[in-house]
């Protein structure tokens, strides 16, 4: 199982899901309209390392963080 964390203003509880890679995870998450709107603008980190590609294989115990853009002052 892969743990998915939704950070910042994304109003979703963390989930655990059985997926093989980030591409498959995106397909699953895109089925939720609230999450889907964040996916295009958010950064993604796997085990605390940012990635820019969906070609990342995931294994049991990995942690994926969805990091939405934020503004601050």
Protein backbone atom coordinates (compact mmCIF):
# COMPACT_ATOMS: atom_id res chain seq x y z
CA UNK A 1 0.00 0.00 0.00
CA UNK A 2 1.08 3.54 -0.81
CA UNK A 3 0.18 6.37 1.55
CA UNK A 4 -1.08 9.52 -0.19
CA UNK A 5 -1.03 12.79 1.74
CA UNK A 6 -3.01 15.84 0.65
CA UNK A 7 -1.30 18.94 2.01
CA UNK A 8 -2.26 22.58 2.42
CA UNK A 9 -5.74 23.65 1.32
CA UNK A 10 -6.71 20.31 -0.21
CA UNK A 11 -9.58 19.28 2.03
CA UNK A 12 -9.08 15.51 1.89
CA UNK A 13 -8.03 12.93 4.43
CA UNK A 14 -4.85 10.96 3.71
CA UNK A 15 -5.49 7.62 2.03
CA UNK A 16 -3.71 4.34 1.48
CA UNK A 17 -4.04 2.81 -1.96
CA UNK A 18 -2.63 -0.07 -3.97
CA UNK A 19 -1.04 1.39 -7.14
CA UNK A 20 2.09 0.54 -9.12
CA UNK A 21 3.20 4.00 -10.27
CA UNK A 22 2.34 7.70 -10.25
CA UNK A 23 0.50 7.47 -13.57
CA UNK A 24 -1.89 4.90 -12.13
CA UNK A 25 -2.29 6.99 -8.97
CA UNK A 26 -3.19 10.07 -11.03
CA UNK A 27 -5.84 8.07 -12.92
CA UNK A 28 -7.42 6.95 -9.63
CA UNK A 29 -7.26 10.39 -7.99
CA UNK A 30 -8.70 12.08 -11.11
CA UNK A 31 -12.00 10.30 -10.48
CA UNK A 32 -12.55 12.61 -7.48
CA UNK A 33 -13.54 16.07 -8.80
CA UNK A 34 -12.25 17.88 -5.70
CA UNK A 35 -8.81 16.30 -6.01
CA UNK A 36 -8.71 16.46 -9.81
CA UNK A 37 -8.76 20.27 -9.82
CA UNK A 38 -5.59 20.30 -7.68
CA UNK A 39 -3.60 17.72 -9.65
CA UNK A 40 -2.68 19.95 -12.59
CA UNK A 41 -1.20 22.69 -10.39
CA UNK A 42 0.32 20.71 -7.54
CA UNK A 43 3.84 19.45 -7.05
CA UNK A 44 4.30 15.78 -6.18
CA UNK A 45 6.84 14.29 -3.82
CA UNK A 46 7.62 10.61 -3.38
CA UNK A 47 9.27 9.83 -0.07
CA UNK A 48 10.07 13.55 0.37
CA UNK A 49 11.71 13.94 -3.07
CA UNK A 50 9.99 16.14 -5.64
CA UNK A 51 9.34 14.58 -9.02
CA UNK A 52 8.24 16.04 -12.34
CA UNK A 53 7.39 12.80 -14.11
CA UNK A 54 4.62 10.22 -13.76
CA UNK A 55 7.08 7.45 -14.68
CA UNK A 56 7.91 6.76 -11.02
CA UNK A 57 7.37 3.21 -9.82
CA UNK A 58 5.85 2.91 -6.36
CA UNK A 59 6.35 0.14 -3.85
CA UNK A 60 4.69 -0.92 -0.64
CA UNK A 61 5.32 1.66 2.08
CA UNK A 62 6.06 4.61 -0.22
CA UNK A 63 4.61 7.98 0.72
CA UNK A 64 3.28 10.35 -1.94
CA UNK A 65 2.56 13.96 -1.02
CA UNK A 66 0.38 16.21 -3.17
CA UNK A 67 1.69 19.75 -2.62
CA UNK A 68 -0.66 22.49 -3.86
CA UNK A 69 0.70 25.93 -4.69
CA UNK A 70 0.39 28.39 -1.83
CA UNK A 71 0.87 32.08 -1.47
CA UNK A 72 2.12 33.77 1.60
CA UNK A 73 3.06 37.10 2.91
